[in-house]
Each structure stands twice: as C-alpha cells, then as structure tokens.
Amino acid sequence: MKLNLADFWGLFGIPEPEEVYRFDGSRRFRFDFAWPQYLIAVEIEGGIWIKAAGSHNRPIHFMKDMTKYNLAALHGWRVFRFTPTQFNNGEAGEFLEELFRKLKETN
C-alpha cells in the first residue's frame, strides 16, 4: 500500500506536523517533519540501497547528518528515522501513532 503524505497523518490519528522545520536558527539543519511542541522530529532516509547515488551514504553528507542529529539531541529533540518503504507500508504510521498515544497518556 502506498500512502499519500497528505492523508497519512489523519489515517493514523497523528497530529499534523510542520514540514521542513528548521530547528536551530544559527544553522541550516532542517527536519523533514517536526512537532516542535513535543521536540519530536521525523526524517525520511532515502537512497539507502543506492550506494553510488545516495547522497546520505557519501562520507561528507553522512558526517553532516551526524552533526545534525547530535545537535538535535543536544537541544532535547527526539529524532525518528524511517525509510520511504516504512512510510508506504504503514510501519512508520503505526510507530508514530503509538508514540503520540503514549504522549497523550502521560499528559
């Protein structure tokens, strides 16, 4: 099943995120999706099976991603990473649905 991101959040009962969210004003790092009020972010990691063409698999970009994720953790963010396949098959939606359900229970 291929999910349309416009329908994805509602299908799983997940609050609508901010897209391409810049989490640190002094840098150019952005999250694919973010819920700033919860300090939760989601990254969709594409190109993991394309060794030669996947930019995130190249050393320089991999190192930038490490800096980005470490900086996010330093600022208290929880970053969850998924592949496009995990979005399309619903695995990411089920995970995020449970995450937000647990957040509601604790508030």
PDB file of N, CA and C in Angstrom:
ATOM      1  N   MET A   1       0.847  -1.176   0.000  1.00  0.00           N
ATOM      2  CA  MET A   1       0.000   0.000   0.000  1.00  0.00           C
ATOM      3  C   MET A   1       0.891   1.237   0.000  1.00  0.00           C
ATOM      4  N   LYS A   2       0.681   2.127  -0.933  1.00  0.00           N
ATOM      5  CA  LYS A   2       1.440   3.371  -0.983  1.00  0.00           C
ATOM      6  C   LYS A   2       0.576   4.493  -0.409  1.00  0.00           C
ATOM      7  N   LEU A   3       1.093   5.149   0.619  1.00  0.00           N
ATOM      8  CA  LEU A   3       0.340   6.193   1.296  1.00  0.00           C
ATOM      9  C   LEU A   3       0.712   7.572   0.778  1.00  0.00           C
ATOM     10  N   ASN A   4      -0.279   8.413   0.650  1.00  0.00           N
ATOM     11  CA  ASN A   4      -0.080   9.811   0.300  1.00  0.00           C
ATOM     12  C   ASN A   4       0.156  10.557   1.605  1.00  0.00           C
ATOM     13  N   LEU A   5       1.258  11.313   1.692  1.00  0.00           N
ATOM     14  CA  LEU A   5       1.573  12.014   2.945  1.00  0.00           C
ATOM     15  C   LEU A   5       0.480  12.993   3.364  1.00  0.00           C
ATOM     16  N   ALA A   6      -0.255  13.531   2.399  1.00  0.00           N
ATOM     17  CA  ALA A   6      -1.332  14.459   2.742  1.00  0.00           C
ATOM     18  C   ALA A   6      -2.412  13.749   3.565  1.00  0.00           C
ATOM     19  N   ASP A   7      -2.625  12.458   3.323  1.00  0.00           N
ATOM     20  CA  ASP A   7      -3.624  11.680   4.050  1.00  0.00           C
ATOM     21  C   ASP A   7      -3.023  10.891   5.207  1.00  0.00           C
ATOM     22  N   PHE A   8      -1.710  10.744   5.209  1.00  0.00           N
ATOM     23  CA  PHE A   8      -1.009   9.866   6.138  1.00  0.00           C
ATOM     24  C   PHE A   8      -1.305  10.187   7.595  1.00  0.00           C
ATOM     25  N   TRP A   9      -1.160  11.433   7.977  1.00  0.00           N
ATOM     26  CA  TRP A   9      -1.299  11.829   9.379  1.00  0.00           C
ATOM     27  C   TRP A   9      -2.690  11.524   9.904  1.00  0.00           C
ATOM     28  N   GLY A  10      -3.699  11.884   9.139  1.00  0.00           N
ATOM     29  CA  GLY A  10      -5.080  11.637   9.560  1.00  0.00           C
ATOM     30  C   GLY A  10      -5.424  10.163   9.626  1.00  0.00           C
ATOM     31  N   LEU A  11      -4.898   9.384   8.712  1.00  0.00           N
ATOM     32  CA  LEU A  11      -5.165   7.950   8.687  1.00  0.00           C
ATOM     33  C   LEU A  11      -4.725   7.274   9.976  1.00  0.00           C
ATOM     34  N   PHE A  12      -3.602   7.738  10.523  1.00  0.00           N
ATOM     35  CA  PHE A  12      -3.073   7.143  11.744  1.00  0.00           C
ATOM     36  C   PHE A  12      -3.389   7.965  13.003  1.00  0.00           C
ATOM     37  N   GLY A  13      -4.170   9.025  12.851  1.00  0.00           N
ATOM     38  CA  GLY A  13      -4.524   9.838  14.013  1.00  0.00           C
ATOM     39  C   GLY A  13      -3.347  10.588  14.606  1.00  0.00           C
ATOM     40  N   ILE A  14      -2.431  11.003  13.739  1.00  0.00           N
ATOM     41  CA  ILE A  14      -1.221  11.707  14.170  1.00  0.00           C
ATOM     42  C   ILE A  14      -1.438  13.203  13.928  1.00  0.00           C
ATOM     43  N   PRO A  15      -1.095  14.054  14.888  1.00  0.00           N
ATOM     44  CA  PRO A  15      -1.234  15.500  14.653  1.00  0.00           C
ATOM     45  C   PRO A  15      -0.434  15.923  13.408  1.00  0.00           C
ATOM     46  N   GLU A  16      -0.939  16.901  12.717  1.00  0.00           N
ATOM     47  CA  GLU A  16      -0.262  17.410  11.515  1.00  0.00           C
ATOM     48  C   GLU A  16       1.081  18.029  11.911  1.00  0.00           C
ATOM     49  N   PRO A  17       2.173  17.606  11.279  1.00  0.00           N
ATOM     50  CA  PRO A  17       3.483  18.161  11.620  1.00  0.00           C
ATOM     51  C   PRO A  17       3.797  19.419  10.807  1.00  0.00           C
ATOM     52  N   GLU A  18       4.838  20.100  11.212  1.00  0.00           N
ATOM     53  CA  GLU A  18       5.410  21.157  10.377  1.00  0.00           C
ATOM     54  C   GLU A  18       6.397  20.481   9.440  1.00  0.00           C
ATOM     55  N   GLU A  19       6.343  20.863   8.176  1.00  0.00           N
ATOM     56  CA  GLU A  19       7.242  20.251   7.197  1.00  0.00           C
ATOM     57  C   GLU A  19       8.484  21.111   7.003  1.00  0.00           C
ATOM     58  N   VAL A  20       9.595  20.460   6.743  1.00  0.00           N
ATOM     59  CA  VAL A  20      10.892  21.097   6.518  1.00  0.00           C
ATOM     60  C   VAL A  20      11.142  22.134   7.614  1.00  0.00           C
ATOM     61  N   TYR A  21      11.186  21.667   8.820  1.00  0.00           N
ATOM     62  CA  TYR A  21      11.285  22.520  10.006  1.00  0.00           C
ATOM     63  C   TYR A  21      12.742  22.789  10.356  1.00  0.00           C
ATOM     64  N   ARG A  22      13.101  24.059  10.413  1.00  0.00           N
ATOM     65  CA  ARG A  22      14.454  24.472  10.796  1.00  0.00           C
ATOM     66  C   ARG A  22      14.513  24.529  12.324  1.00  0.00           C
ATOM     67  N   PHE A  23      15.292  23.630  12.921  1.00  0.00           N
ATOM     68  CA  PHE A  23      15.258  23.508  14.376  1.00  0.00           C
ATOM     69  C   PHE A  23      16.318  24.324  15.097  1.00  0.00           C
ATOM     70  N   ASP A  24      17.292  24.844  14.377  1.00  0.00           N
ATOM     71  CA  ASP A  24      18.329  25.647  15.025  1.00  0.00           C
ATOM     72  C   ASP A  24      18.602  26.852  14.133  1.00  0.00           C
ATOM     73  N   GLY A  25      18.134  28.017  14.561  1.00  0.00           N
ATOM     74  CA  GLY A  25      18.232  29.214  13.732  1.00  0.00           C
ATOM     75  C   GLY A  25      19.637  29.590  13.307  1.00  0.00           C
ATOM     76  N   SER A  26      20.652  29.158  14.044  1.00  0.00           N
ATOM     77  CA  SER A  26      22.016  29.548  13.696  1.00  0.00           C
ATOM     78  C   SER A  26      22.641  28.612  12.658  1.00  0.00           C
ATOM     79  N   ARG A  27      21.948  27.558  12.300  1.00  0.00           N
ATOM     80  CA  ARG A  27      22.472  26.598  11.331  1.00  0.00           C
ATOM     81  C   ARG A  27      21.443  26.344  10.245  1.00  0.00           C
ATOM     82  N   ARG A  28      21.825  25.575   9.250  1.00  0.00           N
ATOM     83  CA  ARG A  28      20.916  25.283   8.157  1.00  0.00           C
ATOM     84  C   ARG A  28      20.282  23.906   8.277  1.00  0.00           C
ATOM     85  N   PHE A  29      20.287  23.333   9.450  1.00  0.00           N
ATOM     86  CA  PHE A  29      19.731  21.993   9.624  1.00  0.00           C
ATOM     87  C   PHE A  29      18.213  22.044   9.718  1.00  0.00           C
ATOM     88  N   ARG A  30      17.588  21.120   9.008  1.00  0.00           N
ATOM     89  CA  ARG A  30      16.129  21.035   8.997  1.00  0.00           C
ATOM     90  C   ARG A  30      15.702  19.583   9.160  1.00  0.00           C
ATOM     91  N   PHE A  31      14.514  19.400   9.702  1.00  0.00           N
ATOM     92  CA  PHE A  31      13.890  18.091   9.788  1.00  0.00           C
ATOM     93  C   PHE A  31      12.860  17.982   8.672  1.00  0.00           C
ATOM     94  N   ASP A  32      12.629  16.778   8.190  1.00  0.00           N
ATOM     95  CA  ASP A  32      11.586  16.573   7.188  1.00  0.00           C
ATOM     96  C   ASP A  32      10.222  16.927   7.774  1.00  0.00           C
ATOM     97  N   PHE A  33       9.959  16.437   8.982  1.00  0.00           N
ATOM     98  CA  PHE A  33       8.699  16.714   9.683  1.00  0.00           C
ATOM     99  C   PHE A  33       9.014  16.931  11.157  1.00  0.00           C
ATOM    100  N   ALA A  34       8.282  17.850  11.779  1.00  0.00           N
ATOM    101  CA  ALA A  34       8.551  18.122  13.199  1.00  0.00           C
ATOM    102  C   ALA A  34       7.286  18.543  13.922  1.00  0.00           C
ATOM    103  N   TRP A  35       7.269  18.187  15.195  1.00  0.00           N
ATOM    104  CA  TRP A  35       6.262  18.623  16.146  1.00  0.00           C
ATOM    105  C   TRP A  35       7.027  19.381  17.222  1.00  0.00           C
ATOM    106  N   PRO A  36       7.307  20.670  16.992  1.00  0.00           N
ATOM    107  CA  PRO A  36       8.160  21.434  17.916  1.00  0.00           C
ATOM    108  C   PRO A  36       7.653  21.459  19.355  1.00  0.00           C
ATOM    109  N   GLN A  37       6.347  21.449  19.553  1.00  0.00           N
ATOM    110  CA  GLN A  37       5.806  21.497  20.913  1.00  0.00           C
ATOM    111  C   GLN A  37       6.173  20.242  21.713  1.00  0.00           C
ATOM    112  N   TYR A  38       6.488  19.145  21.020  1.00  0.00           N
ATOM    113  CA  TYR A  38       6.900  17.900  21.672  1.00  0.00           C
ATOM    114  C   TYR A  38       8.399  17.619  21.517  1.00  0.00           C
ATOM    115  N   LEU A  39       9.092  18.465  20.762  1.00  0.00           N
ATOM    116  CA  LEU A  39      10.501  18.236  20.414  1.00  0.00           C
ATOM    117  C   LEU A  39      10.691  16.852  19.784  1.00  0.00           C
ATOM    118  N   ILE A  40       9.793  16.545  18.839  1.00  0.00           N
ATOM    119  CA  ILE A  40       9.840  15.287  18.091  1.00  0.00           C
ATOM    120  C   ILE A  40       9.991  15.613  16.615  1.00  0.00           C
ATOM    121  N   ALA A  41      10.883  14.864  15.971  1.00  0.00           N
ATOM    122  CA  ALA A  41      11.111  15.059  14.546  1.00  0.00           C
ATOM    123  C   ALA A  41      11.172  13.715  13.843  1.00  0.00           C
ATOM    124  N   VAL A  42      10.856  13.754  12.551  1.00  0.00           N
ATOM    125  CA  VAL A  42      10.933  12.566  11.702  1.00  0.00           C
ATOM    126  C   VAL A  42      11.772  12.911  10.480  1.00  0.00           C
ATOM    127  N   GLU A  43      12.656  11.997  10.163  1.00  0.00           N
ATOM    128  CA  GLU A  43      13.457  12.093   8.944  1.00  0.00           C
ATOM    129  C   GLU A  43      13.126  10.899   8.068  1.00  0.00           C
ATOM    130  N   ILE A  44      12.924  11.150   6.786  1.00  0.00           N
ATOM    131  CA  ILE A  44      12.738  10.066   5.818  1.00  0.00           C
ATOM    132  C   ILE A  44      14.079   9.885   5.124  1.00  0.00           C
ATOM    133  N   GLU A  45      14.697   8.750   5.364  1.00  0.00           N
ATOM    134  CA  GLU A  45      16.035   8.458   4.847  1.00  0.00           C
ATOM    135  C   GLU A  45      15.934   7.721   3.519  1.00  0.00           C
ATOM    136  N   GLY A  46      16.086   8.449   2.446  1.00  0.00           N
ATOM    137  CA  GLY A  46      16.026   7.839   1.120  1.00  0.00           C
ATOM    138  C   GLY A  46      17.396   7.416   0.631  1.00  0.00           C
ATOM    139  N   GLY A  47      17.407   6.624  -0.416  1.00  0.00           N
ATOM    140  CA  GLY A  47      18.654   6.232  -1.073  1.00  0.00           C
ATOM    141  C   GLY A  47      19.543   5.298  -0.286  1.00  0.00           C
ATOM    142  N   ILE A  48      18.986   4.562   0.674  1.00  0.00           N
ATOM    143  CA  ILE A  48      19.849   3.705   1.494  1.00  0.00           C
ATOM    144  C   ILE A  48      20.374   2.500   0.734  1.00  0.00           C
ATOM    145  N   TRP A  49      19.705   2.110  -0.335  1.00  0.00           N
ATOM    146  CA  TRP A  49      20.135   0.938  -1.104  1.00  0.00           C
ATOM    147  C   TRP A  49      20.950   1.339  -2.328  1.00  0.00           C
ATOM    148  N   ILE A  50      21.158   2.643  -2.515  1.00  0.00           N
ATOM    149  CA  ILE A  50      21.866   3.128  -3.702  1.00  0.00           C
ATOM    150  C   ILE A  50      23.233   3.623  -3.268  1.00  0.00           C
ATOM    151  N   LYS A  51      24.183   2.729  -3.185  1.00  0.00           N
ATOM    152  CA  LYS A  51      25.497   3.087  -2.651  1.00  0.00           C
ATOM    153  C   LYS A  51      26.162   4.205  -3.448  1.00  0.00           C
ATOM    154  N   ALA A  52      26.161   4.099  -4.757  1.00  0.00           N
ATOM    155  CA  ALA A  52      26.858   5.088  -5.586  1.00  0.00           C
ATOM    156  C   ALA A  52      26.102   6.409  -5.683  1.00  0.00           C
ATOM    157  N   ALA A  53      24.762   6.360  -5.680  1.00  0.00           N
ATOM    158  CA  ALA A  53      23.991   7.573  -5.948  1.00  0.00           C
ATOM    159  C   ALA A  53      23.350   8.193  -4.710  1.00  0.00           C
ATOM    160  N   GLY A  54      23.276   7.474  -3.614  1.00  0.00           N
ATOM    161  CA  GLY A  54      22.608   8.008  -2.439  1.00  0.00           C
ATOM    162  C   GLY A  54      23.478   9.017  -1.712  1.00  0.00           C
ATOM    163  N   SER A  55      23.074  10.294  -1.721  1.00  0.00           N
ATOM    164  CA  SER A  55      23.924  11.344  -1.147  1.00  0.00           C
ATOM    165  C   SER A  55      24.141  11.152   0.350  1.00  0.00           C
ATOM    166  N   HIS A  56      23.139  10.627   1.065  1.00  0.00           N
ATOM    167  CA  HIS A  56      23.300  10.438   2.510  1.00  0.00           C
ATOM    168  C   HIS A  56      24.294   9.332   2.837  1.00  0.00           C
ATOM    169  N   ASN A  57      24.657   8.543   1.854  1.00  0.00           N
ATOM    170  CA  ASN A  57      25.633   7.472   2.071  1.00  0.00           C
ATOM    171  C   ASN A  57      27.059   7.920   1.798  1.00  0.00           C
ATOM    172  N   ARG A  58      27.225   9.093   1.248  1.00  0.00           N
ATOM    173  CA  ARG A  58      28.565   9.613   0.984  1.00  0.00           C
ATOM    174  C   ARG A  58      29.155  10.157   2.281  1.00  0.00           C
ATOM    175  N   PRO A  59      30.459   9.998   2.469  1.00  0.00           N
ATOM    176  CA  PRO A  59      31.078  10.382   3.747  1.00  0.00           C
ATOM    177  C   PRO A  59      30.772  11.806   4.201  1.00  0.00           C
ATOM    178  N   ILE A  60      30.855  12.789   3.322  1.00  0.00           N
ATOM    179  CA  ILE A  60      30.656  14.179   3.744  1.00  0.00           C
ATOM    180  C   ILE A  60      29.226  14.412   4.228  1.00  0.00           C
ATOM    181  N   HIS A  61      28.246  13.844   3.522  1.00  0.00           N
ATOM    182  CA  HIS A  61      26.851  14.029   3.925  1.00  0.00           C
ATOM    183  C   HIS A  61      26.545  13.213   5.179  1.00  0.00           C
ATOM    184  N   PHE A  62      27.117  12.040   5.283  1.00  0.00           N
ATOM    185  CA  PHE A  62      26.944  11.216   6.466  1.00  0.00           C
ATOM    186  C   PHE A  62      27.451  11.960   7.700  1.00  0.00           C
ATOM    187  N   MET A  63      28.598  12.623   7.569  1.00  0.00           N
ATOM    188  CA  MET A  63      29.166  13.387   8.686  1.00  0.00           C
ATOM    189  C   MET A  63      28.283  14.585   9.039  1.00  0.00           C
ATOM    190  N   LYS A  64      27.708  15.240   8.031  1.00  0.00           N
ATOM    191  CA  LYS A  64      26.788  16.356   8.296  1.00  0.00           C
ATOM    192  C   LYS A  64      25.541  15.865   9.024  1.00  0.00           C
ATOM    193  N   ASP A  65      25.054  14.689   8.621  1.00  0.00           N
ATOM    194  CA  ASP A  65      23.895  14.120   9.311  1.00  0.00           C
ATOM    195  C   ASP A  65      24.226  13.821  10.773  1.00  0.00           C
ATOM    196  N   MET A  66      25.432  13.320  11.032  1.00  0.00           N
ATOM    197  CA  MET A  66      25.842  13.050  12.410  1.00  0.00           C
ATOM    198  C   MET A  66      25.837  14.344  13.227  1.00  0.00           C
ATOM    199  N   THR A  67      26.380  15.409  12.651  1.00  0.00           N
ATOM    200  CA  THR A  67      26.387  16.706  13.330  1.00  0.00           C
ATOM    201  C   THR A  67      24.960  17.170  13.597  1.00  0.00           C
ATOM    202  N   LYS A  68      24.097  17.027  12.598  1.00  0.00           N
ATOM    203  CA  LYS A  68      22.696  17.438  12.727  1.00  0.00           C
ATOM    204  C   LYS A  68      21.999  16.675  13.846  1.00  0.00           C
ATOM    205  N   TYR A  69      22.134  15.356  13.872  1.00  0.00           N
ATOM    206  CA  TYR A  69      21.444  14.552  14.883  1.00  0.00           C
ATOM    207  C   TYR A  69      22.015  14.783  16.280  1.00  0.00           C
ATOM    208  N   ASN A  70      23.300  14.984  16.370  1.00  0.00           N
ATOM    209  CA  ASN A  70      23.908  15.288  17.675  1.00  0.00           C
ATOM    210  C   ASN A  70      23.446  16.645  18.188  1.00  0.00           C
ATOM    211  N   LEU A  71      23.385  17.632  17.308  1.00  0.00           N
ATOM    212  CA  LEU A  71      22.914  18.964  17.690  1.00  0.00           C
ATOM    213  C   LEU A  71      21.445  18.902  18.118  1.00  0.00           C
ATOM    214  N   ALA A  72      20.660  18.136  17.392  1.00  0.00           N
ATOM    215  CA  ALA A  72      19.250  17.978  17.754  1.00  0.00           C
ATOM    216  C   ALA A  72      19.124  17.376  19.155  1.00  0.00           C
ATOM    217  N   ALA A  73      19.902  16.338  19.441  1.00  0.00           N
ATOM    218  CA  ALA A  73      19.866  15.705  20.765  1.00  0.00           C
ATOM    219  C   ALA A  73      20.304  16.685  21.847  1.00  0.00           C
ATOM    220  N   LEU A  74      21.303  17.496  21.541  1.00  0.00           N
ATOM    221  CA  LEU A  74      21.781  18.498  22.486  1.00  0.00           C
ATOM    222  C   LEU A  74      20.673  19.477  22.863  1.00  0.00           C
ATOM    223  N   HIS A  75      19.791  19.754  21.903  1.00  0.00           N
ATOM    224  CA  HIS A  75      18.677  20.675  22.130  1.00  0.00           C
ATOM    225  C   HIS A  75      17.419  19.957  22.623  1.00  0.00           C
ATOM    226  N   GLY A  76      17.526  18.661  22.937  1.00  0.00           N
ATOM    227  CA  GLY A  76      16.414  17.931  23.524  1.00  0.00           C
ATOM    228  C   GLY A  76      15.461  17.261  22.550  1.00  0.00           C
ATOM    229  N   TRP A  77      15.775  17.255  21.262  1.00  0.00           N
ATOM    230  CA  TRP A  77      14.916  16.641  20.259  1.00  0.00           C
ATOM    231  C   TRP A  77      15.046  15.132  20.265  1.00  0.00           C
ATOM    232  N   ARG A  78      13.910  14.470  19.998  1.00  0.00           N
ATOM    233  CA  ARG A  78      13.905  13.040  19.694  1.00  0.00           C
ATOM    234  C   ARG A  78      13.656  12.916  18.199  1.00  0.00           C
ATOM    235  N   VAL A  79      14.616  12.316  17.500  1.00  0.00           N
ATOM    236  CA  VAL A  79      14.544  12.201  16.047  1.00  0.00           C
ATOM    237  C   VAL A  79      14.327  10.737  15.683  1.00  0.00           C
ATOM    238  N   PHE A  80      13.260  10.490  14.940  1.00  0.00           N
ATOM    239  CA  PHE A  80      12.942   9.143  14.485  1.00  0.00           C
ATOM    240  C   PHE A  80      13.176   9.077  12.982  1.00  0.00           C
ATOM    241  N   ARG A  81      13.871   8.039  12.568  1.00  0.00           N
ATOM    242  CA  ARG A  81      14.274   7.911  11.168  1.00  0.00           C
ATOM    243  C   ARG A  81      13.566   6.713  10.533  1.00  0.00           C
ATOM    244  N   PHE A  82      13.005   6.959   9.353  1.00  0.00           N
ATOM    245  CA  PHE A  82      12.291   5.923   8.624  1.00  0.00           C
ATOM    246  C   PHE A  82      12.696   5.955   7.152  1.00  0.00           C
ATOM    247  N   THR A  83      12.521   4.833   6.505  1.00  0.00           N
ATOM    248  CA  THR A  83      12.722   4.764   5.055  1.00  0.00           C
ATOM    249  C   THR A  83      11.397   5.075   4.363  1.00  0.00           C
ATOM    250  N   PRO A  84      11.428   5.421   3.070  1.00  0.00           N
ATOM    251  CA  PRO A  84      10.168   5.592   2.342  1.00  0.00           C
ATOM    252  C   PRO A  84       9.309   4.327   2.389  1.00  0.00           C
ATOM    253  N   THR A  85       9.933   3.166   2.348  1.00  0.00           N
ATOM    254  CA  THR A  85       9.183   1.910   2.420  1.00  0.00           C
ATOM    255  C   THR A  85       8.411   1.806   3.721  1.00  0.00           C
ATOM    256  N   GLN A  86       9.013   2.230   4.824  1.00  0.00           N
ATOM    257  CA  GLN A  86       8.330   2.178   6.117  1.00  0.00           C
ATOM    258  C   GLN A  86       7.134   3.133   6.173  1.00  0.00           C
ATOM    259  N   PHE A  87       7.180   4.223   5.411  1.00  0.00           N
ATOM    260  CA  PHE A  87       6.015   5.092   5.306  1.00  0.00           C
ATOM    261  C   PHE A  87       4.959   4.433   4.430  1.00  0.00           C
ATOM    262  N   ASN A  88       5.383   3.880   3.309  1.00  0.00           N
ATOM    263  CA  ASN A  88       4.433   3.281   2.368  1.00  0.00           C
ATOM    264  C   ASN A  88       3.728   2.056   2.930  1.00  0.00           C
ATOM    265  N   ASN A  89       4.419   1.260   3.724  1.00  0.00           N
ATOM    266  CA  ASN A  89       3.779   0.047   4.238  1.00  0.00           C
ATOM    267  C   ASN A  89       3.070   0.267   5.572  1.00  0.00           C
ATOM    268  N   GLY A  90       3.105   1.474   6.103  1.00  0.00           N
ATOM    269  CA  GLY A  90       2.380   1.801   7.331  1.00  0.00           C
ATOM    270  C   GLY A  90       3.171   1.604   8.616  1.00  0.00           C
ATOM    271  N   GLU A  91       4.365   1.027   8.527  1.00  0.00           N
ATOM    272  CA  GLU A  91       5.164   0.784   9.736  1.00  0.00           C
ATOM    273  C   GLU A  91       5.465   2.086  10.485  1.00  0.00           C
ATOM    274  N   ALA A  92       5.842   3.121   9.755  1.00  0.00           N
ATOM    275  CA  ALA A  92       6.138   4.416  10.386  1.00  0.00           C
ATOM    276  C   ALA A  92       4.876   5.000  11.022  1.00  0.00           C
ATOM    277  N   GLY A  93       3.752   4.871  10.340  1.00  0.00           N
ATOM    278  CA  GLY A  93       2.497   5.380  10.874  1.00  0.00           C
ATOM    279  C   GLY A  93       2.092   4.693  12.165  1.00  0.00           C
ATOM    280  N   GLU A  94       2.247   3.375  12.197  1.00  0.00           N
ATOM    281  CA  GLU A  94       1.902   2.629  13.412  1.00  0.00           C
ATOM    282  C   GLU A  94       2.818   3.028  14.574  1.00  0.00           C
ATOM    283  N   PHE A  95       4.089   3.203  14.283  1.00  0.00           N
ATOM    284  CA  PHE A  95       5.033   3.620  15.322  1.00  0.00           C
ATOM    285  C   PHE A  95       4.661   4.996  15.867  1.00  0.00           C
ATOM    286  N   LEU A  96       4.446   5.954  14.961  1.00  0.00           N
ATOM    287  CA  LEU A  96       4.129   7.322  15.377  1.00  0.00           C
ATOM    288  C   LEU A  96       2.776   7.393  16.073  1.00  0.00           C
ATOM    289  N   GLU A  97       1.833   6.594  15.625  1.00  0.00           N
ATOM    290  CA  GLU A  97       0.526   6.529  16.284  1.00  0.00           C
ATOM    291  C   GLU A  97       0.699   6.105  17.741  1.00  0.00           C
ATOM    292  N   GLU A  98       1.511   5.088  17.977  1.00  0.00           N
ATOM    293  CA  GLU A  98       1.765   4.635  19.350  1.00  0.00           C
ATOM    294  C   GLU A  98       2.507   5.697  20.156  1.00  0.00           C
ATOM    295  N   LEU A  99       3.481   6.354  19.520  1.00  0.00           N
ATOM    296  CA  LEU A  99       4.238   7.407  20.198  1.00  0.00           C
ATOM    297  C   LEU A  99       3.308   8.514  20.691  1.00  0.00           C
ATOM    298  N   PHE A 100       2.432   9.002  19.811  1.00  0.00           N
ATOM    299  CA  PHE A 100       1.544  10.101  20.207  1.00  0.00           C
ATOM    300  C   PHE A 100       0.469   9.629  21.186  1.00  0.00           C
ATOM    301  N   ARG A 101       0.074   8.373  21.106  1.00  0.00           N
ATOM    302  CA  ARG A 101      -0.866   7.822  22.095  1.00  0.00           C
ATOM    303  C   ARG A 101      -0.210   7.836  23.481  1.00  0.00           C
ATOM    304  N   LYS A 102       1.056   7.420  23.538  1.00  0.00           N
ATOM    305  CA  LYS A 102       1.773   7.412  24.827  1.00  0.00           C
ATOM    306  C   LYS A 102       1.983   8.838  25.358  1.00  0.00           C
ATOM    307  N   LEU A 103       2.219   9.767  24.453  1.00  0.00           N
ATOM    308  CA  LEU A 103       2.367  11.169  24.874  1.00  0.00           C
ATOM    309  C   LEU A 103       1.081  11.684  25.508  1.00  0.00           C
ATOM    310  N   LYS A 104      -0.063  11.342  24.905  1.00  0.00           N
ATOM    311  CA  LYS A 104      -1.354  11.770  25.451  1.00  0.00           C
ATOM    312  C   LYS A 104      -1.607  11.172  26.819  1.00  0.00           C
ATOM    313  N   GLU A 105      -1.197   9.910  26.991  1.00  0.00           N
ATOM    314  CA  GLU A 105      -1.413   9.231  28.275  1.00  0.00           C
ATOM    315  C   GLU A 105      -0.608   9.872  29.396  1.00  0.00           C
ATOM    316  N   THR A 106       0.561  10.392  29.071  1.00  0.00           N
ATOM    317  CA  THR A 106       1.424  10.976  30.109  1.00  0.00           C
ATOM    318  C   THR A 106       1.097  12.428  30.401  1.00  0.00           C
ATOM    319  N   ASN A 107       0.291  13.056  29.572  1.00  0.00           N
ATOM    320  CA  ASN A 107      -0.069  14.478  29.784  1.00  0.00           C
ATOM    321  C   ASN A 107      -1.386  14.620  30.457  1.00  0.00           C
TER     322      ASN A 107
END
